[in-house]
Protein backbone atom coordinates (compact mmCIF):
# COMPACT_ATOMS: atom_id res chain seq x y z
CA MET A 1 -0.01 -0.05 0.29
CA LYS A 2 1.10 3.08 -0.95
CA LYS A 3 1.70 5.92 2.03
CA TYR A 4 1.55 9.54 2.07
CA ILE A 5 3.24 12.55 4.24
CA SER A 6 0.34 14.97 5.27
CA ILE A 7 0.68 18.15 6.94
CA ASP A 8 -2.03 20.79 7.97
CA ILE A 9 -0.46 23.91 9.04
CA GLY A 10 -3.19 25.85 11.05
CA GLY A 11 -2.53 29.24 13.39
CA THR A 12 -1.71 27.60 16.35
CA ALA A 13 -0.50 23.99 15.35
CA ILE A 14 0.66 22.04 12.80
CA LYS A 15 -1.02 18.35 12.78
CA TYR A 16 0.97 15.76 11.07
CA GLY A 17 1.10 11.92 10.13
CA ILE A 18 0.94 9.19 7.42
CA ILE A 19 -1.96 8.57 5.48
CA GLY A 20 -2.60 5.00 3.41
CA GLU A 21 -4.12 5.12 -0.12
CA ASP A 22 -7.16 4.21 1.17
CA ALA A 23 -7.18 7.22 3.70
CA THR A 24 -6.54 5.13 6.82
CA VAL A 25 -4.56 7.77 9.12
CA PHE A 26 -1.63 5.12 10.40
CA SER A 27 -0.15 8.14 12.69
CA ARG A 28 -0.79 11.57 13.64
CA ASP A 29 0.45 14.24 15.81
CA GLU A 30 1.04 17.65 16.15
CA THR A 31 3.33 20.38 17.24
CA PRO A 32 3.77 24.28 17.77
CA THR A 33 3.27 26.28 14.62
CA ARG A 34 4.99 29.35 16.57
CA ALA A 35 3.26 31.71 14.05
CA GLU A 36 4.81 34.53 15.42
CA GLN A 37 8.30 33.23 13.78
CA GLY A 38 6.56 33.69 10.07
CA GLY A 39 7.28 32.07 6.91
CA PRO A 40 10.47 30.79 6.59
CA ALA A 41 10.50 29.36 9.59
CA ILE A 42 7.33 27.33 9.09
CA LEU A 43 8.53 26.27 5.96
CA GLN A 44 12.02 25.25 7.81
CA ARG A 45 9.44 23.41 10.52
CA VAL A 46 7.72 21.62 7.63
CA ILE A 47 10.67 20.23 6.23
CA ASP A 48 12.39 18.75 9.54
CA LEU A 49 8.87 17.36 10.10
CA THR A 50 9.00 15.65 6.37
CA GLU A 51 12.39 14.19 6.76
CA ALA A 52 11.80 12.80 10.50
CA LEU A 53 8.63 11.18 8.83
CA LEU A 54 10.98 9.50 5.78
CA GLN A 55 13.19 8.25 8.39
CA THR A 56 10.26 5.30 9.32
CA THR A 57 8.06 5.65 6.70
CA PRO A 58 8.57 5.48 2.80
CA ALA A 59 6.41 8.01 1.25
CA SER A 60 4.91 8.20 -2.60
CA GLY A 61 3.89 12.30 -1.73
CA ILE A 62 3.69 14.89 0.39
CA CYS A 63 0.31 16.45 1.03
CA ILE A 64 0.05 19.97 2.47
CA SER A 65 -2.91 21.84 4.11
CA THR A 66 -1.93 25.57 5.05
CA ALA A 67 -3.92 28.72 6.11
CA GLY A 68 -3.61 31.30 3.72
CA MET A 69 -4.55 31.97 0.36
CA VAL A 70 -2.95 29.08 -1.95
CA ASP A 71 -2.11 28.86 -5.69
CA PRO A 72 -2.82 25.15 -5.79
CA VAL A 73 -1.56 24.69 -9.30
CA ARG A 74 2.11 26.68 -8.16
CA GLY A 75 1.97 25.20 -4.40
CA GLU A 76 2.40 28.68 -2.97
CA ILE A 77 1.02 30.88 -0.60
CA PHE A 78 -0.20 34.46 -2.25
CA TYR A 79 -1.67 36.02 1.06
CA ALA A 80 -1.49 35.60 4.57
CA ALA A 81 -3.16 37.67 7.67
CA PRO A 82 -0.63 38.90 9.65
CA LEU A 83 -0.96 36.27 12.27
CA ILE A 84 1.85 34.69 10.12
CA PRO A 85 4.79 37.00 9.03
CA ASN A 86 6.11 36.81 5.71
CA TYR A 87 3.86 33.45 4.37
CA ALA A 88 2.93 35.36 1.52
CA GLY A 89 5.53 34.13 -1.38
CA THR A 90 6.37 30.55 0.75
CA CYS A 91 6.28 27.82 -2.03
CA PHE A 92 6.22 24.53 -0.39
CA LYS A 93 5.69 22.49 -3.60
CA GLN A 94 8.91 23.97 -5.26
CA VAL A 95 10.88 23.56 -1.89
CA LEU A 96 9.57 20.14 -0.86
CA GLU A 97 9.63 18.64 -4.43
CA THR A 98 13.42 19.75 -5.20
CA LYS A 99 14.43 18.60 -1.70
CA PHE A 100 13.12 15.24 -1.63
CA GLY A 101 12.30 14.47 -4.90
CA LEU A 102 8.61 13.66 -4.13
CA PRO A 103 5.50 14.87 -5.51
CA CYS A 104 4.00 17.67 -3.16
CA GLU A 105 0.89 19.38 -3.69
CA VAL A 106 -0.88 22.28 -1.53
CA GLU A 107 -4.58 23.60 -0.69
CA ASN A 108 -5.86 25.89 1.35
CA ASP A 109 -6.52 24.36 5.22
CA VAL A 110 -10.68 25.38 4.67
CA ASN A 111 -10.68 24.01 1.05
CA CYS A 112 -9.03 20.63 2.96
CA ALA A 113 -11.93 20.39 5.10
CA GLY A 114 -14.37 20.90 2.55
CA LEU A 115 -12.98 18.26 0.76
CA ALA A 116 -12.55 16.06 3.06
CA GLU A 117 -16.35 16.05 4.51
CA TYR A 118 -17.09 15.83 0.89
CA ARG A 119 -15.40 12.88 0.02
CA SER A 120 -16.07 10.71 3.26
CA GLY A 121 -17.69 12.79 5.79
CA ALA A 122 -21.18 14.64 6.55
CA ALA A 123 -21.32 15.58 2.91
CA GLN A 124 -20.31 12.20 1.37
CA GLY A 125 -22.88 11.21 -1.03
CA SER A 126 -23.83 15.19 -2.23
CA ARG A 127 -23.03 16.68 -5.12
CA SER A 128 -22.72 20.24 -3.88
CA MET A 129 -21.95 21.35 -0.41
CA VAL A 130 -20.68 24.42 1.03
CA MET A 131 -18.53 24.12 4.64
CA LEU A 132 -18.16 27.26 6.90
CA THR A 133 -15.51 26.77 9.66
CA ILE A 134 -16.31 29.15 12.66
CA GLY A 135 -13.71 30.25 14.67
CA THR A 136 -10.80 33.15 15.11
CA GLY A 137 -12.48 33.99 12.10
CA ILE A 138 -15.01 32.43 9.72
CA GLY A 139 -13.65 30.59 6.79
CA GLY A 140 -15.60 29.17 3.82
CA CYS A 141 -15.56 26.34 1.02
CA ALA A 142 -17.62 25.03 -1.63
CA VAL A 143 -17.24 21.21 -3.36
CA LEU A 144 -19.41 20.96 -6.57
CA ASP A 145 -19.28 17.60 -8.31
CA GLY A 146 -16.39 16.98 -6.56
CA HIS A 147 -14.12 19.85 -7.16
CA ILE A 148 -13.55 22.41 -5.05
CA LEU A 149 -14.74 25.71 -6.58
CA HIS A 150 -11.49 27.94 -6.71
CA GLY A 151 -12.49 31.12 -8.63
CA ALA A 152 -10.44 32.87 -11.13
CA GLY A 153 -7.99 34.12 -8.44
CA ASN A 154 -8.13 31.11 -6.14
CA SER A 155 -9.93 33.07 -3.57
CA ALA A 156 -13.41 32.06 -4.10
CA CYS A 157 -15.37 31.57 -0.45
CA GLU A 158 -13.65 33.88 1.43
CA ILE A 159 -16.99 34.85 3.11
CA GLY A 160 -15.82 36.06 6.15
CA TYR A 161 -15.33 39.23 4.10
CA LEU A 162 -18.74 39.06 3.17
CA ARG A 163 -20.07 42.89 3.73
CA MET A 164 -23.00 42.40 6.18
CA ARG A 165 -25.08 44.82 8.78
CA GLY A 166 -22.22 47.53 7.98
CA SER A 167 -19.44 45.09 8.66
CA ASP A 168 -18.59 42.06 7.63
CA PHE A 169 -19.26 38.29 8.30
CA GLN A 170 -16.58 37.18 10.58
CA THR A 171 -16.23 40.40 12.39
CA LEU A 172 -19.65 39.90 13.63
CA GLY A 173 -20.07 35.90 14.22
CA ALA A 174 -16.99 34.47 14.62
CA ALA A 175 -16.40 32.35 17.55
CA SER A 176 -14.13 34.77 19.01
CA VAL A 177 -16.21 37.77 18.67
CA LEU A 178 -18.73 35.39 20.86
CA SER A 179 -16.19 35.42 23.62
CA ALA A 180 -15.46 38.79 23.41
CA ARG A 181 -18.92 39.77 23.71
CA VAL A 182 -19.66 37.88 26.37
CA ALA A 183 -16.61 39.14 28.47
CA GLU A 184 -16.95 43.19 27.89
CA ARG A 185 -20.94 42.40 29.03
CA LYS A 186 -19.61 40.66 31.79
CA GLY A 187 -16.58 43.00 32.61
CA ASP A 188 -14.21 40.20 32.86
CA PRO A 189 -11.08 40.17 30.41
CA ALA A 190 -11.78 38.42 27.17
CA GLU A 191 -9.33 35.44 27.78
CA ALA A 192 -11.67 34.70 30.66
CA TRP A 193 -14.75 33.32 28.67
CA ASP A 194 -14.05 30.84 25.68
CA GLY A 195 -16.48 28.93 24.07
CA ARG A 196 -17.14 25.92 26.51
CA ARG A 197 -17.55 28.38 29.05
CA ILE A 198 -19.95 30.33 27.29
CA PHE A 199 -21.88 27.12 26.56
CA ALA A 200 -22.00 25.56 30.16
CA GLY A 201 -23.19 29.03 31.22
CA ALA A 202 -26.32 29.42 28.90
CA GLN A 203 -27.12 25.88 29.46
CA ALA A 204 -27.02 26.84 33.27
CA GLY A 205 -29.30 29.54 32.28
CA ASP A 206 -26.70 32.39 32.43
CA ALA A 207 -29.10 35.14 30.08
CA VAL A 208 -25.96 36.99 28.72
CA CYS A 209 -24.58 34.01 27.83
CA GLN A 210 -27.63 32.74 25.90
CA GLU A 211 -28.43 36.09 24.01
CA GLU A 212 -24.82 36.26 22.72
CA ILE A 213 -25.14 32.72 21.80
CA ASP A 214 -28.67 33.68 19.80
CA ASN A 215 -26.98 36.84 18.80
CA MET A 216 -24.35 35.04 16.79
CA VAL A 217 -26.56 32.37 15.68
CA ASP A 218 -28.91 35.11 14.02
CA VAL A 219 -25.33 36.25 12.27
CA LEU A 220 -24.85 32.77 10.90
CA GLY A 221 -28.43 32.26 9.65
CA GLU A 222 -28.32 35.22 7.78
CA GLY A 223 -24.18 34.41 5.97
CA ILE A 224 -25.31 30.91 5.55
CA ALA A 225 -28.47 32.23 3.87
CA ASN A 226 -27.01 34.44 1.57
CA LEU A 227 -24.91 32.02 0.41
CA CYS A 228 -27.54 29.71 -0.30
CA TYR A 229 -29.11 32.33 -2.10
CA VAL A 230 -25.95 32.40 -4.25
CA LEU A 231 -24.56 28.58 -4.49
CA ASP A 232 -28.32 26.63 -3.67
CA PRO A 233 -26.25 23.50 -2.13
CA GLU A 234 -27.70 20.35 -0.79
CA ILE A 235 -26.03 20.56 2.15
CA VAL A 236 -24.09 22.93 4.70
CA VAL A 237 -21.62 21.69 6.82
CA LEU A 238 -20.10 23.60 10.14
CA GLY A 239 -17.23 23.37 11.40
CA GLY A 240 -14.25 24.67 13.88
CA GLY A 241 -14.32 24.00 17.97
CA ILE A 242 -17.62 25.46 18.67
CA MET A 243 -19.56 23.30 16.69
CA ALA A 244 -19.07 20.32 19.04
CA GLN A 245 -21.73 22.18 20.65
CA GLU A 246 -24.32 20.78 18.66
CA ALA A 247 -27.08 19.79 20.35
CA TYR A 248 -27.30 23.31 21.71
CA LEU A 249 -26.88 24.57 18.21
CA ARG A 250 -28.45 22.81 15.80
CA GLY A 251 -32.02 23.86 16.33
CA ARG A 252 -31.39 27.43 16.23
CA LEU A 253 -29.46 27.39 13.31
CA GLU A 254 -31.93 25.65 11.46
CA THR A 255 -34.48 28.11 12.61
CA ALA A 256 -31.90 31.60 12.02
CA ILE A 257 -31.48 29.56 8.47
CA ARG A 258 -34.64 29.78 7.64
CA ARG A 259 -35.71 33.00 9.26
CA TYR A 260 -33.70 34.64 5.89
CA LEU A 261 -34.42 32.11 3.49
CA ILE A 262 -37.06 31.45 1.02
CA ASP A 263 -38.92 28.44 1.38
CA SER A 264 -38.48 27.23 -1.78
CA ILE A 265 -34.61 26.79 -1.33
CA ALA A 266 -35.02 26.33 2.79
CA SER A 267 -37.08 23.15 1.51
CA HIS A 268 -33.72 21.15 0.13
CA VAL A 269 -30.88 22.88 2.12
CA ARG A 270 -29.81 19.93 4.78
CA LEU A 271 -26.99 21.28 7.81
CA ALA A 272 -24.89 19.23 9.29
CA PHE A 273 -21.58 18.73 11.49
CA ALA A 274 -18.11 18.03 10.49
CA ALA A 275 -17.25 14.58 11.08
CA HIS A 276 -13.69 14.53 10.70
CA ARG A 277 -12.88 16.88 13.35
CA ASN A 278 -9.23 17.21 14.15
CA ASP A 279 -8.03 15.13 11.13
CA ALA A 280 -9.99 17.50 8.69
CA GLY A 281 -6.94 18.68 7.41
CA MET A 282 -4.43 16.14 6.67
CA LEU A 283 -7.12 13.78 5.16
CA GLY A 284 -8.35 16.78 3.06
CA ALA A 285 -4.68 17.10 1.70
CA PHE A 286 -4.50 14.07 1.08
CA TYR A 287 -7.70 14.13 -1.07
CA HIS A 288 -6.43 16.82 -3.05
CA PHE A 289 -2.88 15.13 -3.79
CA ILE A 290 -4.64 11.96 -5.47
CA SER A 291 -6.97 13.95 -7.81
CA ARG A 292 -3.69 15.17 -8.78
CA HIS A 293 -2.08 11.88 -8.81
CA PRO A 294 -4.34 9.07 -8.87
CA VAL A 295 -3.39 6.25 -7.25
């Protein structure tokens, strides 16, 4: 069986491991990204991880999922938020292929997560899906008939920047915003409230937590409805740590989406919650790789 190195580069952690040609995850581990050190340091970290993995497992390719806007043909970052300084211009594909003599493919992390859900997760069997990841910001991905929608400049579905209510989608509806709003209303430092504490408070009857979750849900409902008007997907998949609260959120989100959608569209759009969670980026990077290098 062929095996592949898969590396998922996020703002906080780099997840990495070995995946078989049948999508079995044979090993997984993670290390801090140390994003503040910038793009060159991250590239070196990826080289070091690849060298270490190759010492124990012969591999047939290198699969990369990464934060930032990616040119998937060149395998290069062409835009990144300030969270990772000097990341734009990092060309993983050229550097890794030259150093290791193995094919390498690179794709945006949210696109990878969406592809993983489409191929073997919550959207398996659908023809069209949209995925949102709700975290520090809001990321998006659309998969149509098995293909990621990249757009003319490889920046399709940068949905966090959608203009809404005089602001933008992620400034209004991200999980980080929920935490900041609760902390502000409580008069606490921002770091005192995370999603887990907020949802525990809401379930215990804390009115501030309940109100702020409802505000976030209403923003998400409107944003998702706007995406459905444009793309008309069969299924909308929600990911990100906060979406582990499916039991609390599902009914509220379904109601909010219907509030903003006309019945003829709402009647056939299904809401789902991500199945792959921590493995989504690694799996999606693998699926992207084999779409370019069939097993």
